[in-house]
Amino acid sequence: RVKMANNVFYKMFKISIEDARGRPLYELGSGVWNIPGLR
């Protein structure tokens, strides 16, 4: 689950701080991080 990220992360992946914090990485950005093998 996302604890924090730098500004570059939020800008590149078009994710707001409020939407990211505390959520599993794999749910961010319409599932862009749901990558086979990464989990």
PDB file of all heavy atoms in Angstrom:
ATOM      1  N   ARG A   1       0.845  -1.185   0.000  1.00  0.00           N
ATOM      2  CA  ARG A   1       0.000   0.000   0.000  1.00  0.00           C
ATOM      3  C   ARG A   1       0.890   1.248   0.000  1.00  0.00           C
ATOM      4  O   ARG A   1       1.950   1.260   0.630  1.00  0.00           O
ATOM      5  CB  ARG A   1      -0.917   0.012   1.228  1.00  0.00           C
ATOM      6  CG  ARG A   1      -1.961  -1.098   1.206  1.00  0.00           C
ATOM      7  CD  ARG A   1      -2.785  -1.126   2.455  1.00  0.00           C
ATOM      8  NE  ARG A   1      -1.957  -1.368   3.650  1.00  0.00           N
ATOM      9  CZ  ARG A   1      -2.400  -1.910   4.769  1.00  0.00           C
ATOM     10  NH1 ARG A   1      -3.678  -2.296   4.857  1.00  0.00           N
ATOM     11  NH2 ARG A   1      -1.607  -2.071   5.801  1.00  0.00           N
ATOM     12  N   VAL A   2       0.435   2.269  -0.708  1.00  0.00           N
ATOM     13  CA  VAL A   2       1.244   3.487  -0.883  1.00  0.00           C
ATOM     14  C   VAL A   2       1.297   4.280   0.421  1.00  0.00           C
ATOM     15  O   VAL A   2       0.257   4.669   0.982  1.00  0.00           O
ATOM     16  CB  VAL A   2       0.661   4.371  -2.003  1.00  0.00           C
ATOM     17  CG1 VAL A   2       1.460   5.663  -2.123  1.00  0.00           C
ATOM     18  CG2 VAL A   2       0.656   3.623  -3.330  1.00  0.00           C
ATOM     19  N   LYS A   3       2.518   4.500   0.918  1.00  0.00           N
ATOM     20  CA  LYS A   3       2.725   5.359   2.086  1.00  0.00           C
ATOM     21  C   LYS A   3       2.976   6.795   1.648  1.00  0.00           C
ATOM     22  O   LYS A   3       2.407   7.726   2.185  1.00  0.00           O
ATOM     23  CB  LYS A   3       3.919   4.853   2.908  1.00  0.00           C
ATOM     24  CG  LYS A   3       3.763   3.440   3.415  1.00  0.00           C
ATOM     25  CD  LYS A   3       2.696   3.345   4.498  1.00  0.00           C
ATOM     26  CE  LYS A   3       3.128   4.018   5.797  1.00  0.00           C
ATOM     27  NZ  LYS A   3       2.077   3.904   6.845  1.00  0.00           N
ATOM     28  N   MET A   4       3.833   6.943   0.631  1.00  0.00           N
ATOM     29  CA  MET A   4       4.147   8.264   0.090  1.00  0.00           C
ATOM     30  C   MET A   4       4.844   8.080  -1.258  1.00  0.00           C
ATOM     31  O   MET A   4       5.291   6.988  -1.598  1.00  0.00           O
ATOM     32  CB  MET A   4       5.032   9.052   1.049  1.00  0.00           C
ATOM     33  CG  MET A   4       6.371   8.408   1.349  1.00  0.00           C
ATOM     34  SD  MET A   4       7.316   9.298   2.599  1.00  0.00           S
ATOM     35  CE  MET A   4       6.444   8.856   4.098  1.00  0.00           C
ATOM     36  N   ALA A   5       4.925   9.155  -2.015  1.00  0.00           N
ATOM     37  CA  ALA A   5       5.607   9.130  -3.312  1.00  0.00           C
ATOM     38  C   ALA A   5       6.095  10.535  -3.635  1.00  0.00           C
ATOM     39  O   ALA A   5       5.580  11.521  -3.079  1.00  0.00           O
ATOM     40  CB  ALA A   5       4.659   8.630  -4.411  1.00  0.00           C
ATOM     41  N   ASN A   6       7.099  10.631  -4.493  1.00  0.00           N
ATOM     42  CA  ASN A   6       7.574  11.966  -4.856  1.00  0.00           C
ATOM     43  C   ASN A   6       6.666  12.586  -5.923  1.00  0.00           C
ATOM     44  O   ASN A   6       5.828  11.911  -6.525  1.00  0.00           O
ATOM     45  CB  ASN A   6       9.038  11.943  -5.288  1.00  0.00           C
ATOM     46  CG  ASN A   6       9.275  11.138  -6.563  1.00  0.00           C
ATOM     47  OD1 ASN A   6       8.349  10.528  -7.099  1.00  0.00           O
ATOM     48  ND2 ASN A   6      10.504  11.144  -7.034  1.00  0.00           N
ATOM     49  N   ASN A   7       6.839  13.886  -6.138  1.00  0.00           N
ATOM     50  CA  ASN A   7       5.969  14.607  -7.072  1.00  0.00           C
ATOM     51  C   ASN A   7       6.056  14.058  -8.493  1.00  0.00           C
ATOM     52  O   ASN A   7       5.068  14.068  -9.235  1.00  0.00           O
ATOM     53  CB  ASN A   7       6.323  16.097  -7.082  1.00  0.00           C
ATOM     54  CG  ASN A   7       5.862  16.789  -5.811  1.00  0.00           C
ATOM     55  OD1 ASN A   7       4.827  16.431  -5.240  1.00  0.00           O
ATOM     56  ND2 ASN A   7       6.632  17.763  -5.352  1.00  0.00           N
ATOM     57  N   VAL A   8       7.247  13.564  -8.882  1.00  0.00           N
ATOM     58  CA  VAL A   8       7.428  13.031 -10.241  1.00  0.00           C
ATOM     59  C   VAL A   8       6.515  11.826 -10.457  1.00  0.00           C
ATOM     60  O   VAL A   8       5.943  11.652 -11.536  1.00  0.00           O
ATOM     61  CB  VAL A   8       8.901  12.638 -10.490  1.00  0.00           C
ATOM     62  CG1 VAL A   8       9.073  12.073 -11.892  1.00  0.00           C
ATOM     63  CG2 VAL A   8       9.813  13.832 -10.283  1.00  0.00           C
ATOM     64  N   PHE A   9       6.367  11.003  -9.430  1.00  0.00           N
ATOM     65  CA  PHE A   9       5.495   9.832  -9.534  1.00  0.00           C
ATOM     66  C   PHE A   9       4.060  10.256  -9.820  1.00  0.00           C
ATOM     67  O   PHE A   9       3.398   9.720 -10.717  1.00  0.00           O
ATOM     68  CB  PHE A   9       5.567   9.014  -8.239  1.00  0.00           C
ATOM     69  CG  PHE A   9       4.636   7.835  -8.204  1.00  0.00           C
ATOM     70  CD1 PHE A   9       5.003   6.620  -8.760  1.00  0.00           C
ATOM     71  CD2 PHE A   9       3.363   7.952  -7.627  1.00  0.00           C
ATOM     72  CE1 PHE A   9       4.131   5.534  -8.732  1.00  0.00           C
ATOM     73  CE2 PHE A   9       2.500   6.860  -7.595  1.00  0.00           C
ATOM     74  CZ  PHE A   9       2.881   5.657  -8.158  1.00  0.00           C
ATOM     75  N   TYR A  10       3.565  11.222  -9.048  1.00  0.00           N
ATOM     76  CA  TYR A  10       2.177  11.662  -9.223  1.00  0.00           C
ATOM     77  C   TYR A  10       1.948  12.299 -10.594  1.00  0.00           C
ATOM     78  O   TYR A  10       0.918  12.077 -11.231  1.00  0.00           O
ATOM     79  CB  TYR A  10       1.802  12.653  -8.111  1.00  0.00           C
ATOM     80  CG  TYR A  10       1.787  12.040  -6.731  1.00  0.00           C
ATOM     81  CD1 TYR A  10       2.613  12.524  -5.724  1.00  0.00           C
ATOM     82  CD2 TYR A  10       0.933  10.971  -6.435  1.00  0.00           C
ATOM     83  CE1 TYR A  10       2.598  11.972  -4.450  1.00  0.00           C
ATOM     84  CE2 TYR A  10       0.913  10.408  -5.171  1.00  0.00           C
ATOM     85  CZ  TYR A  10       1.752  10.904  -4.180  1.00  0.00           C
ATOM     86  OH  TYR A  10       1.740  10.344  -2.928  1.00  0.00           O
ATOM     87  N   LYS A  11       2.928  13.077 -11.042  1.00  0.00           N
ATOM     88  CA  LYS A  11       2.781  13.761 -12.339  1.00  0.00           C
ATOM     89  C   LYS A  11       2.836  12.769 -13.504  1.00  0.00           C
ATOM     90  O   LYS A  11       2.039  12.845 -14.435  1.00  0.00           O
ATOM     91  CB  LYS A  11       3.882  14.810 -12.502  1.00  0.00           C
ATOM     92  CG  LYS A  11       3.676  16.043 -11.640  1.00  0.00           C
ATOM     93  CD  LYS A  11       4.819  17.038 -11.849  1.00  0.00           C
ATOM     94  CE  LYS A  11       4.621  18.275 -10.974  1.00  0.00           C
ATOM     95  NZ  LYS A  11       5.737  19.245 -11.129  1.00  0.00           N
ATOM     96  N   MET A  12       3.798  11.849 -13.473  1.00  0.00           N
ATOM     97  CA  MET A  12       3.968  10.920 -14.587  1.00  0.00           C
ATOM     98  C   MET A  12       2.762  10.007 -14.754  1.00  0.00           C
ATOM     99  O   MET A  12       2.310   9.744 -15.873  1.00  0.00           O
ATOM    100  CB  MET A  12       5.236  10.087 -14.416  1.00  0.00           C
ATOM    101  CG  MET A  12       5.433   9.057 -15.531  1.00  0.00           C
ATOM    102  SD  MET A  12       7.001   8.171 -15.417  1.00  0.00           S
ATOM    103  CE  MET A  12       8.158   9.406 -15.989  1.00  0.00           C
ATOM    104  N   PHE A  13       2.211   9.533 -13.633  1.00  0.00           N
ATOM    105  CA  PHE A  13       1.139   8.547 -13.723  1.00  0.00           C
ATOM    106  C   PHE A  13      -0.251   9.164 -13.535  1.00  0.00           C
ATOM    107  O   PHE A  13      -1.240   8.439 -13.444  1.00  0.00           O
ATOM    108  CB  PHE A  13       1.376   7.425 -12.712  1.00  0.00           C
ATOM    109  CG  PHE A  13       2.641   6.667 -12.978  1.00  0.00           C
ATOM    110  CD1 PHE A  13       3.789   6.926 -12.243  1.00  0.00           C
ATOM    111  CD2 PHE A  13       2.708   5.735 -13.997  1.00  0.00           C
ATOM    112  CE1 PHE A  13       4.969   6.244 -12.503  1.00  0.00           C
ATOM    113  CE2 PHE A  13       3.883   5.053 -14.262  1.00  0.00           C
ATOM    114  CZ  PHE A  13       5.024   5.310 -13.514  1.00  0.00           C
ATOM    115  N   LYS A  14      -0.291  10.518 -13.506  1.00  0.00           N
ATOM    116  CA  LYS A  14      -1.562  11.241 -13.430  1.00  0.00           C
ATOM    117  C   LYS A  14      -2.417  10.745 -12.260  1.00  0.00           C
ATOM    118  O   LYS A  14      -3.599  10.398 -12.391  1.00  0.00           O
ATOM    119  CB  LYS A  14      -2.357  11.090 -14.737  1.00  0.00           C
ATOM    120  CG  LYS A  14      -1.584  11.447 -15.993  1.00  0.00           C
ATOM    121  CD  LYS A  14      -1.256  12.916 -16.050  1.00  0.00           C
ATOM    122  CE  LYS A  14      -0.522  13.258 -17.344  1.00  0.00           C
ATOM    123  NZ  LYS A  14      -0.075  14.658 -17.383  1.00  0.00           N
ATOM    124  N   ILE A  15      -1.780  10.693 -11.073  1.00  0.00           N
ATOM    125  CA  ILE A  15      -2.459  10.211  -9.872  1.00  0.00           C
ATOM    126  C   ILE A  15      -2.399  11.313  -8.817  1.00  0.00           C
ATOM    127  O   ILE A  15      -1.341  11.927  -8.612  1.00  0.00           O
ATOM    128  CB  ILE A  15      -1.794   8.930  -9.334  1.00  0.00           C
ATOM    129  CG1 ILE A  15      -1.825   7.819 -10.401  1.00  0.00           C
ATOM    130  CG2 ILE A  15      -2.466   8.453  -8.047  1.00  0.00           C
ATOM    131  CD1 ILE A  15      -0.968   6.623 -10.055  1.00  0.00           C
ATOM    132  N   SER A  16      -3.503  11.556  -8.145  1.00  0.00           N
ATOM    133  CA  SER A  16      -3.501  12.564  -7.069  1.00  0.00           C
ATOM    134  C   SER A  16      -3.006  11.932  -5.767  1.00  0.00           C
ATOM    135  O   SER A  16      -3.119  10.724  -5.564  1.00  0.00           O
ATOM    136  CB  SER A  16      -4.903  13.145  -6.877  1.00  0.00           C
ATOM    137  OG  SER A  16      -5.778  12.153  -6.374  1.00  0.00           O
ATOM    138  N   ILE A  17      -2.478  12.774  -4.896  1.00  0.00           N
ATOM    139  CA  ILE A  17      -1.956  12.286  -3.606  1.00  0.00           C
ATOM    140  C   ILE A  17      -3.083  11.631  -2.805  1.00  0.00           C
ATOM    141  O   ILE A  17      -2.897  10.569  -2.193  1.00  0.00           O
ATOM    142  CB  ILE A  17      -1.324  13.444  -2.815  1.00  0.00           C
ATOM    143  CG1 ILE A  17      -0.110  13.994  -3.577  1.00  0.00           C
ATOM    144  CG2 ILE A  17      -0.914  12.988  -1.418  1.00  0.00           C
ATOM    145  CD1 ILE A  17       0.515  15.215  -2.945  1.00  0.00           C
ATOM    146  N   GLU A  18      -4.251  12.268  -2.802  1.00  0.00           N
ATOM    147  CA  GLU A  18      -5.385  11.745  -2.023  1.00  0.00           C
ATOM    148  C   GLU A  18      -5.823  10.362  -2.514  1.00  0.00           C
ATOM    149  O   GLU A  18      -6.155   9.484  -1.706  1.00  0.00           O
ATOM    150  CB  GLU A  18      -6.562  12.713  -2.111  1.00  0.00           C
ATOM    151  CG  GLU A  18      -6.317  14.078  -1.479  1.00  0.00           C
ATOM    152  CD  GLU A  18      -5.437  14.983  -2.332  1.00  0.00           C
ATOM    153  OE1 GLU A  18      -5.291  14.682  -3.548  1.00  0.00           O
ATOM    154  OE2 GLU A  18      -4.887  15.956  -1.793  1.00  0.00           O
ATOM    155  N   ASP A  19      -5.808  10.174  -3.857  1.00  0.00           N
ATOM    156  CA  ASP A  19      -6.251   8.879  -4.409  1.00  0.00           C
ATOM    157  C   ASP A  19      -5.237   7.773  -4.178  1.00  0.00           C
ATOM    158  O   ASP A  19      -5.603   6.590  -4.163  1.00  0.00           O
ATOM    159  CB  ASP A  19      -6.502   9.014  -5.920  1.00  0.00           C
ATOM    160  CG  ASP A  19      -7.755   9.818  -6.223  1.00  0.00           C
ATOM    161  OD1 ASP A  19      -8.586   9.972  -5.310  1.00  0.00           O
ATOM    162  OD2 ASP A  19      -7.881  10.304  -7.370  1.00  0.00           O
ATOM    163  N   ALA A  20      -3.968   8.147  -4.003  1.00  0.00           N
ATOM    164  CA  ALA A  20      -2.915   7.133  -3.923  1.00  0.00           C
ATOM    165  C   ALA A  20      -2.648   6.659  -2.490  1.00  0.00           C
ATOM    166  O   ALA A  20      -2.439   5.469  -2.251  1.00  0.00           O
ATOM    167  CB  ALA A  20      -1.628   7.675  -4.527  1.00  0.00           C
ATOM    168  N   ARG A  21      -2.634   7.600  -1.573  1.00  0.00           N
ATOM    169  CA  ARG A  21      -2.186   7.274  -0.221  1.00  0.00           C
ATOM    170  C   ARG A  21      -3.078   6.217   0.435  1.00  0.00           C
ATOM    171  O   ARG A  21      -4.302   6.333   0.478  1.00  0.00           O
ATOM    172  CB  ARG A  21      -2.152   8.546   0.628  1.00  0.00           C
ATOM    173  CG  ARG A  21      -1.460   8.360   1.980  1.00  0.00           C
ATOM    174  CD  ARG A  21      -1.147   9.693   2.591  1.00  0.00           C
ATOM    175  NE  ARG A  21      -0.159  10.434   1.796  1.00  0.00           N
ATOM    176  CZ  ARG A  21       0.084  11.743   1.949  1.00  0.00           C
ATOM    177  NH1 ARG A  21      -0.611  12.437   2.814  1.00  0.00           N
ATOM    178  NH2 ARG A  21       1.004  12.318   1.228  1.00  0.00           N
ATOM    179  N   GLY A  22      -2.417   5.159   0.908  1.00  0.00           N
ATOM    180  CA  GLY A  22      -3.117   4.087   1.616  1.00  0.00           C
ATOM    181  C   GLY A  22      -3.739   3.038   0.717  1.00  0.00           C
ATOM    182  O   GLY A  22      -4.254   2.035   1.206  1.00  0.00           O
ATOM    183  N   ARG A  23      -3.668   3.236  -0.581  1.00  0.00           N
ATOM    184  CA  ARG A  23      -4.267   2.261  -1.504  1.00  0.00           C
ATOM    185  C   ARG A  23      -3.201   1.301  -2.018  1.00  0.00           C
ATOM    186  O   ARG A  23      -2.032   1.672  -2.180  1.00  0.00           O
ATOM    187  CB  ARG A  23      -4.927   2.967  -2.683  1.00  0.00           C
ATOM    188  CG  ARG A  23      -6.175   3.751  -2.317  1.00  0.00           C
ATOM    189  CD  ARG A  23      -6.773   4.386  -3.548  1.00  0.00           C
ATOM    190  NE  ARG A  23      -7.191   3.390  -4.530  1.00  0.00           N
ATOM    191  CZ  ARG A  23      -7.507   3.691  -5.788  1.00  0.00           C
ATOM    192  NH1 ARG A  23      -7.412   4.941  -6.223  1.00  0.00           N
ATOM    193  NH2 ARG A  23      -7.898   2.731  -6.609  1.00  0.00           N
ATOM    194  N   PRO A  24      -3.585   0.060  -2.334  1.00  0.00           N
ATOM    195  CA  PRO A  24      -2.613  -0.868  -2.928  1.00  0.00           C
ATOM    196  C   PRO A  24      -2.093  -0.325  -4.263  1.00  0.00           C
ATOM    197  O   PRO A  24      -2.856   0.266  -5.048  1.00  0.00           O
ATOM    198  CB  PRO A  24      -3.431  -2.151  -3.131  1.00  0.00           C
ATOM    199  CG  PRO A  24      -4.551  -2.051  -2.150  1.00  0.00           C
ATOM    200  CD  PRO A  24      -4.877  -0.594  -2.054  1.00  0.00           C
ATOM    201  N   LEU A  25      -0.841  -0.536  -4.517  1.00  0.00           N
ATOM    202  CA  LEU A  25      -0.212  -0.050  -5.748  1.00  0.00           C
ATOM    203  C   LEU A  25      -0.954  -0.544  -6.988  1.00  0.00           C
ATOM    204  O   LEU A  25      -1.119   0.192  -7.966  1.00  0.00           O
ATOM    205  CB  LEU A  25       1.249  -0.523  -5.794  1.00  0.00           C
ATOM    206  CG  LEU A  25       2.051  -0.174  -7.055  1.00  0.00           C
ATOM    207  CD1 LEU A  25       2.284   1.321  -7.167  1.00  0.00           C
ATOM    208  CD2 LEU A  25       3.387  -0.921  -7.069  1.00  0.00           C
ATOM    209  N   TYR A  26      -1.462  -1.762  -6.953  1.00  0.00           N
ATOM    210  CA  TYR A  26      -2.049  -2.400  -8.137  1.00  0.00           C
ATOM    211  C   TYR A  26      -3.391  -1.794  -8.536  1.00  0.00           C
ATOM    212  O   TYR A  26      -3.892  -2.040  -9.628  1.00  0.00           O
ATOM    213  CB  TYR A  26      -2.213  -3.904  -7.888  1.00  0.00           C
ATOM    214  CG  TYR A  26      -1.005  -4.507  -7.227  1.00  0.00           C
ATOM    215  CD1 TYR A  26      -1.056  -4.921  -5.907  1.00  0.00           C
ATOM    216  CD2 TYR A  26       0.205  -4.610  -7.925  1.00  0.00           C
ATOM    217  CE1 TYR A  26       0.070  -5.438  -5.279  1.00  0.00           C
ATOM    218  CE2 TYR A  26       1.328  -5.126  -7.305  1.00  0.00           C
ATOM    219  CZ  TYR A  26       1.261  -5.529  -5.981  1.00  0.00           C
ATOM    220  OH  TYR A  26       2.370  -6.027  -5.376  1.00  0.00           O
ATOM    221  N   GLU A  27      -3.978  -0.982  -7.617  1.00  0.00           N
ATOM    222  CA  GLU A  27      -5.272  -0.356  -7.920  1.00  0.00           C
ATOM    223  C   GLU A  27      -5.117   1.030  -8.522  1.00  0.00           C
ATOM    224  O   GLU A  27      -6.099   1.639  -8.949  1.00  0.00           O
ATOM    225  CB  GLU A  27      -6.121  -0.273  -6.642  1.00  0.00           C
ATOM    226  CG  GLU A  27      -6.505  -1.629  -6.075  1.00  0.00           C
ATOM    227  CD  GLU A  27      -7.330  -1.495  -4.806  1.00  0.00           C
ATOM    228  OE1 GLU A  27      -7.636  -0.337  -4.414  1.00  0.00           O
ATOM    229  OE2 GLU A  27      -7.669  -2.539  -4.210  1.00  0.00           O
ATOM    230  N   LEU A  28      -3.900   1.546  -8.560  1.00  0.00           N
ATOM    231  CA  LEU A  28      -3.688   2.919  -9.027  1.00  0.00           C
ATOM    232  C   LEU A  28      -3.736   2.999 -10.554  1.00  0.00           C
ATOM    233  O   LEU A  28      -3.361   2.060 -11.253  1.00  0.00           O
ATOM    234  CB  LEU A  28      -2.332   3.446  -8.553  1.00  0.00           C
ATOM    235  CG  LEU A  28      -2.090   3.465  -7.037  1.00  0.00           C
ATOM    236  CD1 LEU A  28      -0.737   4.096  -6.755  1.00  0.00           C
ATOM    237  CD2 LEU A  28      -3.202   4.214  -6.322  1.00  0.00           C
ATOM    238  N   GLY A  29      -4.185   4.157 -11.043  1.00  0.00           N
ATOM    239  CA  GLY A  29      -4.122   4.436 -12.476  1.00  0.00           C
ATOM    240  C   GLY A  29      -4.843   3.434 -13.337  1.00  0.00           C
ATOM    241  O   GLY A  29      -4.293   2.972 -14.335  1.00  0.00           O
ATOM    242  N   SER A  30      -6.074   3.086 -12.960  1.00  0.00           N
ATOM    243  CA  SER A  30      -6.886   2.147 -13.756  1.00  0.00           C
ATOM    244  C   SER A  30      -6.171   0.825 -14.000  1.00  0.00           C
ATOM    245  O   SER A  30      -6.262   0.235 -15.077  1.00  0.00           O
ATOM    246  CB  SER A  30      -7.270   2.786 -15.097  1.00  0.00           C
ATOM    247  OG  SER A  30      -7.976   3.990 -14.905  1.00  0.00           O
ATOM    248  N   GLY A  31      -5.429   0.375 -12.991  1.00  0.00           N
ATOM    249  CA  GLY A  31      -4.785  -0.933 -13.081  1.00  0.00           C
ATOM    250  C   GLY A  31      -3.490  -0.968 -13.865  1.00  0.00           C
ATOM    251  O   GLY A  31      -3.007  -2.050 -14.229  1.00  0.00           O
ATOM    252  N   VAL A  32      -2.890   0.223 -14.131  1.00  0.00           N
ATOM    253  CA  VAL A  32      -1.649   0.245 -14.912  1.00  0.00           C
ATOM    254  C   VAL A  32      -0.520  -0.488 -14.202  1.00  0.00           C
ATOM    255  O   VAL A  32       0.409  -0.991 -14.841  1.00  0.00           O
ATOM    256  CB  VAL A  32      -1.252   1.709 -15.238  1.00  0.00           C
ATOM    257  CG1 VAL A  32      -0.815   2.449 -13.978  1.00  0.00           C
ATOM    258  CG2 VAL A  32      -0.135   1.757 -16.273  1.00  0.00           C
ATOM    259  N   TRP A  33      -0.623  -0.581 -12.857  1.00  0.00           N
ATOM    260  CA  TRP A  33       0.425  -1.263 -12.089  1.00  0.00           C
ATOM    261  C   TRP A  33       0.116  -2.746 -11.834  1.00  0.00           C
ATOM    262  O   TRP A  33       0.878  -3.414 -11.142  1.00  0.00           O
ATOM    263  CB  TRP A  33       0.635  -0.547 -10.747  1.00  0.00           C
ATOM    264  CG  TRP A  33       1.394   0.725 -10.917  1.00  0.00           C
ATOM    265  CD1 TRP A  33       0.875   1.980 -10.991  1.00  0.00           C
ATOM    266  CD2 TRP A  33       2.791   0.855 -11.095  1.00  0.00           C
ATOM    267  NE1 TRP A  33       1.866   2.899 -11.200  1.00  0.00           N
ATOM    268  CE2 TRP A  33       3.062   2.232 -11.264  1.00  0.00           C
ATOM    269  CE3 TRP A  33       3.857  -0.046 -11.127  1.00  0.00           C
ATOM    270  CZ2 TRP A  33       4.335   2.712 -11.459  1.00  0.00           C
ATOM    271  CZ3 TRP A  33       5.126   0.435 -11.310  1.00  0.00           C
ATOM    272  CH2 TRP A  33       5.369   1.806 -11.484  1.00  0.00           C
ATOM    273  N   ASN A  34      -0.971  -3.206 -12.391  1.00  0.00           N
ATOM    274  CA  ASN A  34      -1.308  -4.628 -12.222  1.00  0.00           C
ATOM    275  C   ASN A  34      -0.486  -5.434 -13.237  1.00  0.00           C
ATOM    276  O   ASN A  34      -1.000  -5.955 -14.222  1.00  0.00           O
ATOM    277  CB  ASN A  34      -2.809  -4.835 -12.427  1.00  0.00           C
ATOM    278  CG  ASN A  34      -3.250  -6.215 -11.974  1.00  0.00           C
ATOM    279  OD1 ASN A  34      -2.524  -6.918 -11.266  1.00  0.00           O
ATOM    280  ND2 ASN A  34      -4.438  -6.602 -12.389  1.00  0.00           N
ATOM    281  N   ILE A  35       0.813  -5.526 -12.966  1.00  0.00           N
ATOM    282  CA  ILE A  35       1.779  -6.104 -13.897  1.00  0.00           C
ATOM    283  C   ILE A  35       2.127  -7.528 -13.463  1.00  0.00           C
ATOM    284  O   ILE A  35       2.524  -7.744 -12.318  1.00  0.00           O
ATOM    285  CB  ILE A  35       3.061  -5.249 -13.942  1.00  0.00           C
ATOM    286  CG1 ILE A  35       2.713  -3.818 -14.389  1.00  0.00           C
ATOM    287  CG2 ILE A  35       4.103  -5.863 -14.877  1.00  0.00           C
ATOM    288  CD1 ILE A  35       3.845  -2.837 -14.166  1.00  0.00           C
ATOM    289  N   PRO A  36       1.980  -8.498 -14.385  1.00  0.00           N
ATOM    290  CA  PRO A  36       2.338  -9.890 -14.033  1.00  0.00           C
ATOM    291  C   PRO A  36       3.786  -9.975 -13.531  1.00  0.00           C
ATOM    292  O   PRO A  36       4.701  -9.437 -14.144  1.00  0.00           O
ATOM    293  CB  PRO A  36       2.174 -10.627 -15.370  1.00  0.00           C
ATOM    294  CG  PRO A  36       1.213  -9.807 -16.156  1.00  0.00           C
ATOM    295  CD  PRO A  36       1.475  -8.377 -15.763  1.00  0.00           C
ATOM    296  N   GLY A  37       3.964 -10.623 -12.399  1.00  0.00           N
ATOM    297  CA  GLY A  37       5.305 -10.826 -11.850  1.00  0.00           C
ATOM    298  C   GLY A  37       5.714  -9.786 -10.828  1.00  0.00           C
ATOM    299  O   GLY A  37       6.540 -10.052  -9.946  1.00  0.00           O
ATOM    300  N   LEU A  38       5.157  -8.565 -10.926  1.00  0.00           N
ATOM    301  CA  LEU A  38       5.579  -7.504  -9.999  1.00  0.00           C
ATOM    302  C   LEU A  38       5.104  -7.785  -8.570  1.00  0.00           C
ATOM    303  O   LEU A  38       5.862  -7.613  -7.610  1.00  0.00           O
ATOM    304  CB  LEU A  38       5.040  -6.153 -10.482  1.00  0.00           C
ATOM    305  CG  LEU A  38       5.361  -4.953  -9.581  1.00  0.00           C
ATOM    306  CD1 LEU A  38       6.868  -4.775  -9.431  1.00  0.00           C
ATOM    307  CD2 LEU A  38       4.723  -3.673 -10.129  1.00  0.00           C
ATOM    308  N   ARG A  39       3.849  -8.243  -8.446  1.00  0.00           N
ATOM    309  CA  ARG A  39       3.312  -8.525  -7.103  1.00  0.00           C
ATOM    310  C   ARG A  39       4.176  -9.553  -6.380  1.00  0.00           C
ATOM    311  O   ARG A  39       4.518  -9.391  -5.196  1.00  0.00           O
ATOM    312  CB  ARG A  39       1.866  -9.022  -7.215  1.00  0.00           C
ATOM    313  CG  ARG A  39       1.159  -9.172  -5.873  1.00  0.00           C
ATOM    314  CD  ARG A  39      -0.177  -9.893  -6.069  1.00  0.00           C
ATOM    315  NE  ARG A  39      -1.073  -9.131  -6.906  1.00  0.00           N
ATOM    316  CZ  ARG A  39      -2.019  -8.316  -6.439  1.00  0.00           C
ATOM    317  NH1 ARG A  39      -2.163  -8.163  -5.133  1.00  0.00           N
ATOM    318  NH2 ARG A  39      -2.809  -7.682  -7.262  1.00  0.00           N
TER     319      ARG A  39
END
